[in-house]
Amino acid sequence: MRKGVPRDPEIADLFYKDDPEELFIGLHEIGHGSFGAVYFATNAHTNEVVAIKKMSYSGKQAHEKWQDILKEVKFLQQLRHPNTIEYKGCYLKEHTAWFIRNHFRKWRSLPLLTVPCRG
């Protein structure tokens, strides 16, 4: 089993098993904050441009960070609406969660609104 993949099968099923560093190429940071950093990249297999949010779950408050990641994955898996950016899945690599979504280039003309979410 690759390092960083949860042993609990119910939790492991929330995440793709592939190595995200091999799958996504050309990462360019487009923003960052207390949650982590956001990048755009290309899926090496499909050539699709995606947005990637990386969230670390190591260091101080690692357990709380991990719980936040689990909540976000479960929420994003259920989210289906034409006005949201499509969730593609989540990968784990060395205590960092990689949240993959459609890149929002087609939404550029819309104002960007970020609302903090606490469960």
PDB file of N, CA and C in Angstrom:
ATOM      1  N   MET A   1       0.853  -1.188   0.000  1.00  0.00           N
ATOM      2  CA  MET A   1       0.000   0.000   0.000  1.00  0.00           C
ATOM      3  C   MET A   1       0.895   1.247   0.000  1.00  0.00           C
ATOM      4  N   ARG A   2       0.572   2.200  -0.853  1.00  0.00           N
ATOM      5  CA  ARG A   2       1.346   3.432  -0.956  1.00  0.00           C
ATOM      6  C   ARG A   2       1.224   4.244   0.325  1.00  0.00           C
ATOM      7  N   LYS A   3       2.333   4.864   0.736  1.00  0.00           N
ATOM      8  CA  LYS A   3       2.351   5.695   1.932  1.00  0.00           C
ATOM      9  C   LYS A   3       1.325   6.817   1.806  1.00  0.00           C
ATOM     10  N   GLY A   4       0.559   7.034   2.868  1.00  0.00           N
ATOM     11  CA  GLY A   4      -0.419   8.110   2.882  1.00  0.00           C
ATOM     12  C   GLY A   4      -1.835   7.662   2.575  1.00  0.00           C
ATOM     13  N   VAL A   5      -2.014   6.405   2.147  1.00  0.00           N
ATOM     14  CA  VAL A   5      -3.357   5.900   1.854  1.00  0.00           C
ATOM     15  C   VAL A   5      -3.948   5.332   3.136  1.00  0.00           C
ATOM     16  N   PRO A   6      -5.138   5.772   3.539  1.00  0.00           N
ATOM     17  CA  PRO A   6      -5.748   5.287   4.785  1.00  0.00           C
ATOM     18  C   PRO A   6      -5.985   3.780   4.755  1.00  0.00           C
ATOM     19  N   ARG A   7      -5.856   3.161   5.930  1.00  0.00           N
ATOM     20  CA  ARG A   7      -6.078   1.714   6.034  1.00  0.00           C
ATOM     21  C   ARG A   7      -7.555   1.365   6.154  1.00  0.00           C
ATOM     22  N   ASP A   8      -8.350   2.244   6.747  1.00  0.00           N
ATOM     23  CA  ASP A   8      -9.784   2.005   6.908  1.00  0.00           C
ATOM     24  C   ASP A   8     -10.423   1.994   5.518  1.00  0.00           C
ATOM     25  N   PRO A   9     -11.041   0.869   5.096  1.00  0.00           N
ATOM     26  CA  PRO A   9     -11.587   0.790   3.734  1.00  0.00           C
ATOM     27  C   PRO A   9     -12.660   1.826   3.429  1.00  0.00           C
ATOM     28  N   GLU A  10     -13.485   2.183   4.411  1.00  0.00           N
ATOM     29  CA  GLU A  10     -14.525   3.195   4.164  1.00  0.00           C
ATOM     30  C   GLU A  10     -13.906   4.553   3.875  1.00  0.00           C
ATOM     31  N   ILE A  11     -12.840   4.881   4.584  1.00  0.00           N
ATOM     32  CA  ILE A  11     -12.161   6.158   4.349  1.00  0.00           C
ATOM     33  C   ILE A  11     -11.326   6.077   3.078  1.00  0.00           C
ATOM     34  N   ALA A  12     -10.643   4.963   2.871  1.00  0.00           N
ATOM     35  CA  ALA A  12      -9.802   4.803   1.677  1.00  0.00           C
ATOM     36  C   ALA A  12     -10.615   4.956   0.398  1.00  0.00           C
ATOM     37  N   ASP A  13     -11.878   4.530   0.415  1.00  0.00           N
ATOM     38  CA  ASP A  13     -12.734   4.634  -0.774  1.00  0.00           C
ATOM     39  C   ASP A  13     -13.068   6.075  -1.149  1.00  0.00           C
ATOM     40  N   LEU A  14     -12.818   7.025  -0.258  1.00  0.00           N
ATOM     41  CA  LEU A  14     -13.076   8.434  -0.554  1.00  0.00           C
ATOM     42  C   LEU A  14     -11.989   9.037  -1.443  1.00  0.00           C
ATOM     43  N   PHE A  15     -10.858   8.333  -1.586  1.00  0.00           N
ATOM     44  CA  PHE A  15      -9.687   8.882  -2.260  1.00  0.00           C
ATOM     45  C   PHE A  15      -9.229   7.970  -3.395  1.00  0.00           C
ATOM     46  N   TYR A  16      -8.741   8.598  -4.480  1.00  0.00           N
ATOM     47  CA  TYR A  16      -8.124   7.831  -5.551  1.00  0.00           C
ATOM     48  C   TYR A  16      -6.760   7.332  -5.080  1.00  0.00           C
ATOM     49  N   LYS A  17      -6.335   6.194  -5.585  1.00  0.00           N
ATOM     50  CA  LYS A  17      -5.088   5.564  -5.134  1.00  0.00           C
ATOM     51  C   LYS A  17      -3.872   5.989  -5.953  1.00  0.00           C
ATOM     52  N   ASP A  18      -4.079   6.604  -7.110  1.00  0.00           N
ATOM     53  CA  ASP A  18      -2.964   7.000  -7.972  1.00  0.00           C
ATOM     54  C   ASP A  18      -2.090   8.048  -7.296  1.00  0.00           C
ATOM     55  N   ASP A  19      -0.864   8.167  -7.770  1.00  0.00           N
ATOM     56  CA  ASP A  19       0.055   9.189  -7.285  1.00  0.00           C
ATOM     57  C   ASP A  19      -0.250  10.489  -8.037  1.00  0.00           C
ATOM     58  N   PRO A  20      -0.739  11.529  -7.347  1.00  0.00           N
ATOM     59  CA  PRO A  20      -1.125  12.760  -8.051  1.00  0.00           C
ATOM     60  C   PRO A  20       0.054  13.474  -8.706  1.00  0.00           C
ATOM     61  N   GLU A  21       1.270  13.275  -8.180  1.00  0.00           N
ATOM     62  CA  GLU A  21       2.429  13.934  -8.783  1.00  0.00           C
ATOM     63  C   GLU A  21       2.773  13.345 -10.143  1.00  0.00           C
ATOM     64  N   GLU A  22       2.351  12.109 -10.385  1.00  0.00           N
ATOM     65  CA  GLU A  22       2.563  11.494 -11.693  1.00  0.00           C
ATOM     66  C   GLU A  22       1.413  11.804 -12.647  1.00  0.00           C
ATOM     67  N   LEU A  23       0.226  12.025 -12.100  1.00  0.00           N
ATOM     68  CA  LEU A  23      -0.970  12.225 -12.919  1.00  0.00           C
ATOM     69  C   LEU A  23      -1.149  13.671 -13.376  1.00  0.00           C
ATOM     70  N   PHE A  24      -0.788  14.639 -12.537  1.00  0.00           N
ATOM     71  CA  PHE A  24      -1.016  16.051 -12.857  1.00  0.00           C
ATOM     72  C   PHE A  24       0.316  16.742 -13.107  1.00  0.00           C
ATOM     73  N   ILE A  25       0.415  17.403 -14.255  1.00  0.00           N
ATOM     74  CA  ILE A  25       1.673  18.017 -14.671  1.00  0.00           C
ATOM     75  C   ILE A  25       1.487  19.519 -14.866  1.00  0.00           C
ATOM     76  N   GLY A  26       2.610  20.228 -14.817  1.00  0.00           N
ATOM     77  CA  GLY A  26       2.598  21.662 -15.085  1.00  0.00           C
ATOM     78  C   GLY A  26       1.862  22.473 -14.044  1.00  0.00           C
ATOM     79  N   LEU A  27       1.998  22.121 -12.767  1.00  0.00           N
ATOM     80  CA  LEU A  27       1.306  22.866 -11.708  1.00  0.00           C
ATOM     81  C   LEU A  27       1.803  24.306 -11.647  1.00  0.00           C
ATOM     82  N   HIS A  28       0.843  25.246 -11.621  1.00  0.00           N
ATOM     83  CA  HIS A  28       1.146  26.671 -11.473  1.00  0.00           C
ATOM     84  C   HIS A  28       0.247  27.216 -10.378  1.00  0.00           C
ATOM     85  N   GLU A  29       0.851  27.803  -9.353  1.00  0.00           N
ATOM     86  CA  GLU A  29       0.057  28.334  -8.241  1.00  0.00           C
ATOM     87  C   GLU A  29      -0.745  29.542  -8.701  1.00  0.00           C
ATOM     88  N   ILE A  30      -2.048  29.544  -8.345  1.00  0.00           N
ATOM     89  CA  ILE A  30      -2.917  30.671  -8.696  1.00  0.00           C
ATOM     90  C   ILE A  30      -3.486  31.351  -7.457  1.00  0.00           C
ATOM     91  N   GLY A  31      -3.205  30.803  -6.272  1.00  0.00           N
ATOM     92  CA  GLY A  31      -3.666  31.422  -5.035  1.00  0.00           C
ATOM     93  C   GLY A  31      -3.289  30.583  -3.837  1.00  0.00           C
ATOM     94  N   HIS A  32      -3.303  31.225  -2.666  1.00  0.00           N
ATOM     95  CA  HIS A  32      -3.029  30.489  -1.437  1.00  0.00           C
ATOM     96  C   HIS A  32      -3.627  31.236  -0.255  1.00  0.00           C
ATOM     97  N   GLY A  33      -3.776  30.506   0.834  1.00  0.00           N
ATOM     98  CA  GLY A  33      -4.334  31.081   2.053  1.00  0.00           C
ATOM     99  C   GLY A  33      -4.072  30.153   3.214  1.00  0.00           C
ATOM    100  N   SER A  34      -4.793  30.343   4.295  1.00  0.00           N
ATOM    101  CA  SER A  34      -4.573  29.528   5.485  1.00  0.00           C
ATOM    102  C   SER A  34      -4.945  28.066   5.251  1.00  0.00           C
ATOM    103  N   PHE A  35      -5.807  27.788   4.286  1.00  0.00           N
ATOM    104  CA  PHE A  35      -6.239  26.423   3.973  1.00  0.00           C
ATOM    105  C   PHE A  35      -5.179  25.659   3.196  1.00  0.00           C
ATOM    106  N   GLY A  36      -4.326  26.340   2.469  1.00  0.00           N
ATOM    107  CA  GLY A  36      -3.350  25.705   1.588  1.00  0.00           C
ATOM    108  C   GLY A  36      -3.167  26.538   0.340  1.00  0.00           C
ATOM    109  N   ALA A  37      -2.881  25.877  -0.775  1.00  0.00           N
ATOM    110  CA  ALA A  37      -2.646  26.581  -2.034  1.00  0.00           C
ATOM    111  C   ALA A  37      -3.514  25.978  -3.134  1.00  0.00           C
ATOM    112  N   VAL A  38      -3.817  26.814  -4.144  1.00  0.00           N
ATOM    113  CA  VAL A  38      -4.593  26.366  -5.303  1.00  0.00           C
ATOM    114  C   VAL A  38      -3.710  26.508  -6.542  1.00  0.00           C
ATOM    115  N   TYR A  39      -3.760  25.494  -7.384  1.00  0.00           N
ATOM    116  CA  TYR A  39      -2.952  25.438  -8.597  1.00  0.00           C
ATOM    117  C   TYR A  39      -3.850  25.127  -9.788  1.00  0.00           C
ATOM    118  N   PHE A  40      -3.374  25.453 -10.983  1.00  0.00           N
ATOM    119  CA  PHE A  40      -3.982  24.830 -12.141  1.00  0.00           C
ATOM    120  C   PHE A  40      -2.924  23.908 -12.724  1.00  0.00           C
ATOM    121  N   ALA A  41      -3.381  22.828 -13.349  1.00  0.00           N
ATOM    122  CA  ALA A  41      -2.483  21.810 -13.880  1.00  0.00           C
ATOM    123  C   ALA A  41      -3.193  21.082 -15.010  1.00  0.00           C
ATOM    124  N   THR A  42      -2.481  20.174 -15.638  1.00  0.00           N
ATOM    125  CA  THR A  42      -3.041  19.364 -16.713  1.00  0.00           C
ATOM    126  C   THR A  42      -3.003  17.899 -16.306  1.00  0.00           C
ATOM    127  N   ASN A  43      -4.107  17.203 -16.537  1.00  0.00           N
ATOM    128  CA  ASN A  43      -4.150  15.767 -16.315  1.00  0.00           C
ATOM    129  C   ASN A  43      -3.345  15.120 -17.445  1.00  0.00           C
ATOM    130  N   ALA A  44      -2.276  14.417 -17.103  1.00  0.00           N
ATOM    131  CA  ALA A  44      -1.371  13.843 -18.101  1.00  0.00           C
ATOM    132  C   ALA A  44      -2.043  12.774 -18.957  1.00  0.00           C
ATOM    133  N   HIS A  45      -3.110  12.153 -18.456  1.00  0.00           N
ATOM    134  CA  HIS A  45      -3.785  11.091 -19.209  1.00  0.00           C
ATOM    135  C   HIS A  45      -4.864  11.633 -20.141  1.00  0.00           C
ATOM    136  N   THR A  46      -5.579  12.679 -19.709  1.00  0.00           N
ATOM    137  CA  THR A  46      -6.715  13.183 -20.494  1.00  0.00           C
ATOM    138  C   THR A  46      -6.449  14.534 -21.149  1.00  0.00           C
ATOM    139  N   ASN A  47      -5.369  15.192 -20.754  1.00  0.00           N
ATOM    140  CA  ASN A  47      -5.025  16.537 -21.231  1.00  0.00           C
ATOM    141  C   ASN A  47      -6.018  17.600 -20.755  1.00  0.00           C
ATOM    142  N   GLU A  48      -6.855  17.267 -19.790  1.00  0.00           N
ATOM    143  CA  GLU A  48      -7.830  18.208 -19.234  1.00  0.00           C
ATOM    144  C   GLU A  48      -7.135  19.155 -18.249  1.00  0.00           C
ATOM    145  N   VAL A  49      -7.464  20.442 -18.329  1.00  0.00           N
ATOM    146  CA  VAL A  49      -6.947  21.421 -17.375  1.00  0.00           C
ATOM    147  C   VAL A  49      -7.843  21.398 -16.144  1.00  0.00           C
ATOM    148  N   VAL A  50      -7.227  21.296 -14.969  1.00  0.00           N
ATOM    149  CA  VAL A  50      -7.970  21.199 -13.714  1.00  0.00           C
ATOM    150  C   VAL A  50      -7.424  22.196 -12.703  1.00  0.00           C
ATOM    151  N   ALA A  51      -8.228  22.447 -11.678  1.00  0.00           N
ATOM    152  CA  ALA A  51      -7.784  23.224 -10.523  1.00  0.00           C
ATOM    153  C   ALA A  51      -7.516  22.234  -9.396  1.00  0.00           C
ATOM    154  N   ILE A  52      -6.430  22.455  -8.665  1.00  0.00           N
ATOM    155  CA  ILE A  52      -6.041  21.573  -7.565  1.00  0.00           C
ATOM    156  C   ILE A  52      -5.872  22.407  -6.309  1.00  0.00           C
ATOM    157  N   LYS A  53      -6.585  22.011  -5.256  1.00  0.00           N
ATOM    158  CA  LYS A  53      -6.366  22.627  -3.947  1.00  0.00           C
ATOM    159  C   LYS A  53      -5.605  21.619  -3.105  1.00  0.00           C
ATOM    160  N   LYS A  54      -4.437  22.026  -2.607  1.00  0.00           N
ATOM    161  CA  LYS A  54      -3.641  21.157  -1.744  1.00  0.00           C
ATOM    162  C   LYS A  54      -3.822  21.594  -0.296  1.00  0.00           C
ATOM    163  N   MET A  55      -4.195  20.641   0.550  1.00  0.00           N
ATOM    164  CA  MET A  55      -4.366  20.904   1.983  1.00  0.00           C
ATOM    165  C   MET A  55      -3.500  19.928   2.771  1.00  0.00           C
ATOM    166  N   SER A  56      -2.607  20.457   3.593  1.00  0.00           N
ATOM    167  CA  SER A  56      -1.747  19.625   4.429  1.00  0.00           C
ATOM    168  C   SER A  56      -2.499  19.196   5.680  1.00  0.00           C
ATOM    169  N   TYR A  57      -2.233  17.978   6.133  1.00  0.00           N
ATOM    170  CA  TYR A  57      -2.812  17.515   7.391  1.00  0.00           C
ATOM    171  C   TYR A  57      -1.713  16.972   8.306  1.00  0.00           C
ATOM    172  N   SER A  58      -0.599  17.703   8.364  1.00  0.00           N
ATOM    173  CA  SER A  58       0.492  17.337   9.267  1.00  0.00           C
ATOM    174  C   SER A  58       0.743  18.495  10.224  1.00  0.00           C
ATOM    175  N   GLY A  59       1.606  18.262  11.191  1.00  0.00           N
ATOM    176  CA  GLY A  59       1.965  19.312  12.132  1.00  0.00           C
ATOM    177  C   GLY A  59       0.919  19.512  13.203  1.00  0.00           C
ATOM    178  N   LYS A  60       0.886  20.734  13.730  1.00  0.00           N
ATOM    179  CA  LYS A  60      -0.082  21.061  14.781  1.00  0.00           C
ATOM    180  C   LYS A  60      -1.499  20.888  14.255  1.00  0.00           C
ATOM    181  N   GLN A  61      -2.348  20.380  15.087  1.00  0.00           N
ATOM    182  CA  GLN A  61      -3.766  20.179  14.771  1.00  0.00           C
ATOM    183  C   GLN A  61      -3.969  19.245  13.576  1.00  0.00           C
ATOM    184  N   ALA A  62      -3.088  18.260  13.415  1.00  0.00           N
ATOM    185  CA  ALA A  62      -3.188  17.328  12.286  1.00  0.00           C
ATOM    186  C   ALA A  62      -4.523  16.588  12.296  1.00  0.00           C
ATOM    187  N   HIS A  63      -4.985  16.176  13.475  1.00  0.00           N
ATOM    188  CA  HIS A  63      -6.252  15.443  13.552  1.00  0.00           C
ATOM    189  C   HIS A  63      -7.415  16.319  13.089  1.00  0.00           C
ATOM    190  N   GLU A  64      -7.440  17.576  13.528  1.00  0.00           N
ATOM    191  CA  GLU A  64      -8.507  18.494  13.132  1.00  0.00           C
ATOM    192  C   GLU A  64      -8.457  18.769  11.630  1.00  0.00           C
ATOM    193  N   LYS A  65      -7.243  18.927  11.098  1.00  0.00           N
ATOM    194  CA  LYS A  65      -7.095  19.155   9.656  1.00  0.00           C
ATOM    195  C   LYS A  65      -7.606  17.948   8.872  1.00  0.00           C
ATOM    196  N   TRP A  66      -7.279  16.736   9.352  1.00  0.00           N
ATOM    197  CA  TRP A  66      -7.738  15.521   8.683  1.00  0.00           C
ATOM    198  C   TRP A  66      -9.259  15.437   8.711  1.00  0.00           C
ATOM    199  N   GLN A  67      -9.867  15.784   9.848  1.00  0.00           N
ATOM    200  CA  GLN A  67     -11.325  15.765   9.941  1.00  0.00           C
ATOM    201  C   GLN A  67     -11.944  16.769   8.971  1.00  0.00           C
ATOM    202  N   ASP A  68     -11.330  17.952   8.824  1.00  0.00           N
ATOM    203  CA  ASP A  68     -11.812  18.947   7.851  1.00  0.00           C
ATOM    204  C   ASP A  68     -11.742  18.402   6.423  1.00  0.00           C
ATOM    205  N   ILE A  69     -10.668  17.689   6.107  1.00  0.00           N
ATOM    206  CA  ILE A  69     -10.513  17.100   4.775  1.00  0.00           C
ATOM    207  C   ILE A  69     -11.602  16.070   4.524  1.00  0.00           C
ATOM    208  N   LEU A  70     -11.850  15.198   5.503  1.00  0.00           N
ATOM    209  CA  LEU A  70     -12.898  14.184   5.343  1.00  0.00           C
ATOM    210  C   LEU A  70     -14.263  14.828   5.129  1.00  0.00           C
ATOM    211  N   LYS A  71     -14.568  15.877   5.901  1.00  0.00           N
ATOM    212  CA  LYS A  71     -15.851  16.579   5.734  1.00  0.00           C
ATOM    213  C   LYS A  71     -15.962  17.179   4.337  1.00  0.00           C
ATOM    214  N   GLU A  72     -14.876  17.806   3.878  1.00  0.00           N
ATOM    215  CA  GLU A  72     -14.918  18.450   2.566  1.00  0.00           C
ATOM    216  C   GLU A  72     -15.093  17.424   1.447  1.00  0.00           C
ATOM    217  N   VAL A  73     -14.382  16.297   1.525  1.00  0.00           N
ATOM    218  CA  VAL A  73     -14.518  15.261   0.497  1.00  0.00           C
ATOM    219  C   VAL A  73     -15.952  14.750   0.454  1.00  0.00           C
ATOM    220  N   LYS A  74     -16.515  14.443   1.606  1.00  0.00           N
ATOM    221  CA  LYS A  74     -17.885  13.918   1.653  1.00  0.00           C
ATOM    222  C   LYS A  74     -18.887  14.940   1.117  1.00  0.00           C
ATOM    223  N   PHE A  75     -18.677  16.219   1.452  1.00  0.00           N
ATOM    224  CA  PHE A  75     -19.562  17.275   0.956  1.00  0.00           C
ATOM    225  C   PHE A  75     -19.448  17.415  -0.566  1.00  0.00           C
ATOM    226  N   LEU A  76     -18.220  17.491  -1.069  1.00  0.00           N
ATOM    227  CA  LEU A  76     -18.016  17.693  -2.502  1.00  0.00           C
ATOM    228  C   LEU A  76     -18.531  16.522  -3.331  1.00  0.00           C
ATOM    229  N   GLN A  77     -18.464  15.308  -2.791  1.00  0.00           N
ATOM    230  CA  GLN A  77     -18.983  14.147  -3.515  1.00  0.00           C
ATOM    231  C   GLN A  77     -20.490  14.239  -3.717  1.00  0.00           C
ATOM    232  N   GLN A  78     -21.178  14.908  -2.821  1.00  0.00           N
ATOM    233  CA  GLN A  78     -22.636  15.027  -2.907  1.00  0.00           C
ATOM    234  C   GLN A  78     -23.088  16.233  -3.721  1.00  0.00           C
ATOM    235  N   LEU A  79     -22.209  17.193  -3.914  1.00  0.00           N
ATOM    236  CA  LEU A  79     -22.562  18.457  -4.551  1.00  0.00           C
ATOM    237  C   LEU A  79     -22.766  18.269  -6.055  1.00  0.00           C
ATOM    238  N   ARG A  80     -23.970  18.539  -6.517  1.00  0.00           N
ATOM    239  CA  ARG A  80     -24.290  18.447  -7.945  1.00  0.00           C
ATOM    240  C   ARG A  80     -25.191  19.623  -8.302  1.00  0.00           C
ATOM    241  N   HIS A  81     -24.633  20.600  -8.970  1.00  0.00           N
ATOM    242  CA  HIS A  81     -25.415  21.763  -9.374  1.00  0.00           C
ATOM    243  C   HIS A  81     -24.726  22.397 -10.577  1.00  0.00           C
ATOM    244  N   PRO A  82     -25.486  22.880 -11.565  1.00  0.00           N
ATOM    245  CA  PRO A  82     -24.863  23.460 -12.759  1.00  0.00           C
ATOM    246  C   PRO A  82     -24.055  24.727 -12.482  1.00  0.00           C
ATOM    247  N   ASN A  83     -24.279  25.384 -11.348  1.00  0.00           N
ATOM    248  CA  ASN A  83     -23.548  26.612 -11.031  1.00  0.00           C
ATOM    249  C   ASN A  83     -22.331  26.373 -10.153  1.00  0.00           C
ATOM    250  N   THR A  84     -21.928  25.121  -9.979  1.00  0.00           N
ATOM    251  CA  THR A  84     -20.718  24.829  -9.206  1.00  0.00           C
ATOM    252  C   THR A  84     -19.663  24.231 -10.128  1.00  0.00           C
ATOM    253  N   ILE A  85     -18.424  24.336  -9.716  1.00  0.00           N
ATOM    254  CA  ILE A  85     -17.319  23.759 -10.471  1.00  0.00           C
ATOM    255  C   ILE A  85     -17.245  22.281 -10.107  1.00  0.00           C
ATOM    256  N   GLU A  86     -17.241  21.418 -11.110  1.00  0.00           N
ATOM    257  CA  GLU A  86     -17.339  19.968 -10.898  1.00  0.00           C
ATOM    258  C   GLU A  86     -16.163  19.414 -10.097  1.00  0.00           C
ATOM    259  N   TYR A  87     -16.488  18.643  -9.062  1.00  0.00           N
ATOM    260  CA  TYR A  87     -15.497  17.939  -8.243  1.00  0.00           C
ATOM    261  C   TYR A  87     -15.073  16.679  -8.976  1.00  0.00           C
ATOM    262  N   LYS A  88     -13.763  16.491  -9.143  1.00  0.00           N
ATOM    263  CA  LYS A  88     -13.233  15.345  -9.877  1.00  0.00           C
ATOM    264  C   LYS A  88     -12.719  14.246  -8.959  1.00  0.00           C
ATOM    265  N   GLY A  89     -12.426  14.575  -7.695  1.00  0.00           N
ATOM    266  CA  GLY A  89     -11.912  13.573  -6.768  1.00  0.00           C
ATOM    267  C   GLY A  89     -10.789  14.128  -5.918  1.00  0.00           C
ATOM    268  N   CYS A  90     -10.283  13.272  -5.030  1.00  0.00           N
ATOM    269  CA  CYS A  90      -9.225  13.682  -4.114  1.00  0.00           C
ATOM    270  C   CYS A  90      -8.163  12.589  -4.053  1.00  0.00           C
ATOM    271  N   TYR A  91      -6.918  13.009  -3.976  1.00  0.00           N
ATOM    272  CA  TYR A  91      -5.763  12.120  -3.881  1.00  0.00           C
ATOM    273  C   TYR A  91      -4.998  12.476  -2.613  1.00  0.00           C
ATOM    274  N   LEU A  92      -4.258  11.520  -2.080  1.00  0.00           N
ATOM    275  CA  LEU A  92      -3.416  11.766  -0.914  1.00  0.00           C
ATOM    276  C   LEU A  92      -1.964  11.518  -1.290  1.00  0.00           C
ATOM    277  N   LYS A  93      -1.092  12.428  -0.831  1.00  0.00           N
ATOM    278  CA  LYS A  93       0.343  12.281  -1.078  1.00  0.00           C
ATOM    279  C   LYS A  93       1.089  12.937   0.068  1.00  0.00           C
ATOM    280  N   GLU A  94       1.819  12.143   0.851  1.00  0.00           N
ATOM    281  CA  GLU A  94       2.692  12.644   1.915  1.00  0.00           C
ATOM    282  C   GLU A  94       2.002  13.674   2.805  1.00  0.00           C
ATOM    283  N   HIS A  95       0.916  13.289   3.423  1.00  0.00           N
ATOM    284  CA  HIS A  95       0.160  14.128   4.362  1.00  0.00           C
ATOM    285  C   HIS A  95      -0.400  15.395   3.720  1.00  0.00           C
ATOM    286  N   THR A  96      -0.691  15.306   2.426  1.00  0.00           N
ATOM    287  CA  THR A  96      -1.337  16.410   1.720  1.00  0.00           C
ATOM    288  C   THR A  96      -2.482  15.848   0.889  1.00  0.00           C
ATOM    289  N   ALA A  97      -3.655  16.459   1.024  1.00  0.00           N
ATOM    290  CA  ALA A  97      -4.813  16.088   0.209  1.00  0.00           C
ATOM    291  C   ALA A  97      -4.824  16.980  -1.026  1.00  0.00           C
ATOM    292  N   TRP A  98      -5.041  16.381  -2.187  1.00  0.00           N
ATOM    293  CA  TRP A  98      -5.134  17.092  -3.457  1.00  0.00           C
ATOM    294  C   TRP A  98      -6.584  17.023  -3.910  1.00  0.00           C
ATOM    295  N   PHE A  99      -7.325  18.121  -3.788  1.00  0.00           N
ATOM    296  CA  PHE A  99      -8.715  18.194  -4.249  1.00  0.00           C
ATOM    297  C   PHE A  99      -8.706  18.630  -5.711  1.00  0.00           C
ATOM    298  N   ILE A 100      -9.317  17.835  -6.586  1.00  0.00           N
ATOM    299  CA  ILE A 100      -9.295  18.109  -8.021  1.00  0.00           C
ATOM    300  C   ILE A 100     -10.687  18.553  -8.475  1.00  0.00           C
ATOM    301  N   ARG A 101     -10.716  19.682  -9.192  1.00  0.00           N
ATOM    302  CA  ARG A 101     -11.978  20.199  -9.737  1.00  0.00           C
ATOM    303  C   ARG A 101     -11.720  20.705 -11.150  1.00  0.00           C
ATOM    304  N   ASN A 102     -12.811  20.865 -11.909  1.00  0.00           N
ATOM    305  CA  ASN A 102     -12.673  21.497 -13.226  1.00  0.00           C
ATOM    306  C   ASN A 102     -12.023  22.853 -13.036  1.00  0.00           C
ATOM    307  N   HIS A 103     -11.151  23.215 -13.963  1.00  0.00           N
ATOM    308  CA  HIS A 103     -10.576  24.560 -13.903  1.00  0.00           C
ATOM    309  C   HIS A 103     -11.669  25.551 -14.276  1.00  0.00           C
ATOM    310  N   PHE A 104     -11.643  26.722 -13.707  1.00  0.00           N
ATOM    311  CA  PHE A 104     -12.747  27.670 -13.847  1.00  0.00           C
ATOM    312  C   PHE A 104     -12.512  28.729 -14.905  1.00  0.00           C
ATOM    313  N   ARG A 105     -11.725  28.455 -15.930  1.00  0.00           N
ATOM    314  CA  ARG A 105     -11.479  29.454 -16.976  1.00  0.00           C
ATOM    315  C   ARG A 105     -12.761  29.956 -17.611  1.00  0.00           C
ATOM    316  N   LYS A 106     -13.725  29.065 -17.802  1.00  0.00           N
ATOM    317  CA  LYS A 106     -14.970  29.494 -18.445  1.00  0.00           C
ATOM    318  C   LYS A 106     -15.779  30.424 -17.544  1.00  0.00           C
ATOM    319  N   TRP A 107     -15.432  30.490 -16.254  1.00  0.00           N
ATOM    320  CA  TRP A 107     -16.157  31.335 -15.299  1.00  0.00           C
ATOM    321  C   TRP A 107     -15.443  32.670 -15.063  1.00  0.00           C
ATOM    322  N   ARG A 108     -14.384  32.968 -15.796  1.00  0.00           N
ATOM    323  CA  ARG A 108     -13.561  34.140 -15.523  1.00  0.00           C
ATOM    324  C   ARG A 108     -14.326  35.455 -15.486  1.00  0.00           C
ATOM    325  N   SER A 109     -15.375  35.560 -16.245  1.00  0.00           N
ATOM    326  CA  SER A 109     -16.101  36.825 -16.290  1.00  0.00           C
ATOM    327  C   SER A 109     -16.961  37.039 -15.052  1.00  0.00           C
ATOM    328  N   LEU A 110     -17.132  36.001 -14.245  1.00  0.00           N
ATOM    329  CA  LEU A 110     -17.935  36.125 -13.027  1.00  0.00           C
ATOM    330  C   LEU A 110     -17.061  36.567 -11.864  1.00  0.00           C
ATOM    331  N   PRO A 111     -17.597  37.369 -10.946  1.00  0.00           N
ATOM    332  CA  PRO A 111     -16.801  37.745  -9.775  1.00  0.00           C
ATOM    333  C   PRO A 111     -16.534  36.513  -8.911  1.00  0.00           C
ATOM    334  N   LEU A 112     -15.351  36.470  -8.308  1.00  0.00           N
ATOM    335  CA  LEU A 112     -14.971  35.343  -7.455  1.00  0.00           C
ATOM    336  C   LEU A 112     -15.394  35.629  -6.024  1.00  0.00           C
ATOM    337  N   LEU A 113     -16.169  34.736  -5.463  1.00  0.00           N
ATOM    338  CA  LEU A 113     -16.638  34.882  -4.086  1.00  0.00           C
ATOM    339  C   LEU A 113     -16.161  33.677  -3.297  1.00  0.00           C
ATOM    340  N   THR A 114     -15.457  33.918  -2.208  1.00  0.00           N
ATOM    341  CA  THR A 114     -14.985  32.845  -1.348  1.00  0.00           C
ATOM    342  C   THR A 114     -15.624  33.007   0.011  1.00  0.00           C
ATOM    343  N   VAL A 115     -16.285  31.967   0.466  1.00  0.00           N
ATOM    344  CA  VAL A 115     -16.953  31.994   1.762  1.00  0.00           C
ATOM    345  C   VAL A 115     -16.347  30.899   2.623  1.00  0.00           C
ATOM    346  N   PRO A 116     -15.805  31.240   3.807  1.00  0.00           N
ATOM    347  CA  PRO A 116     -15.253  30.202   4.675  1.00  0.00           C
ATOM    348  C   PRO A 116     -16.344  29.226   5.097  1.00  0.00           C
ATOM    349  N   CYS A 117     -15.994  27.951   5.158  1.00  0.00           N
ATOM    350  CA  CYS A 117     -16.963  26.915   5.517  1.00  0.00           C
ATOM    351  C   CYS A 117     -16.468  26.165   6.738  1.00  0.00           C
ATOM    352  N   ARG A 118     -17.230  26.167   7.768  1.00  0.00           N
ATOM    353  CA  ARG A 118     -16.922  25.401   8.981  1.00  0.00           C
ATOM    354  C   ARG A 118     -18.104  24.517   9.285  1.00  0.00           C
ATOM    355  N   GLY A 119     -17.820  23.220   9.478  1.00  0.00           N
ATOM    356  CA  GLY A 119     -18.881  22.260   9.714  1.00  0.00           C
ATOM    357  C   GLY A 119     -19.304  22.262  11.078  1.00  0.00           C
TER     358      GLY A 119
END
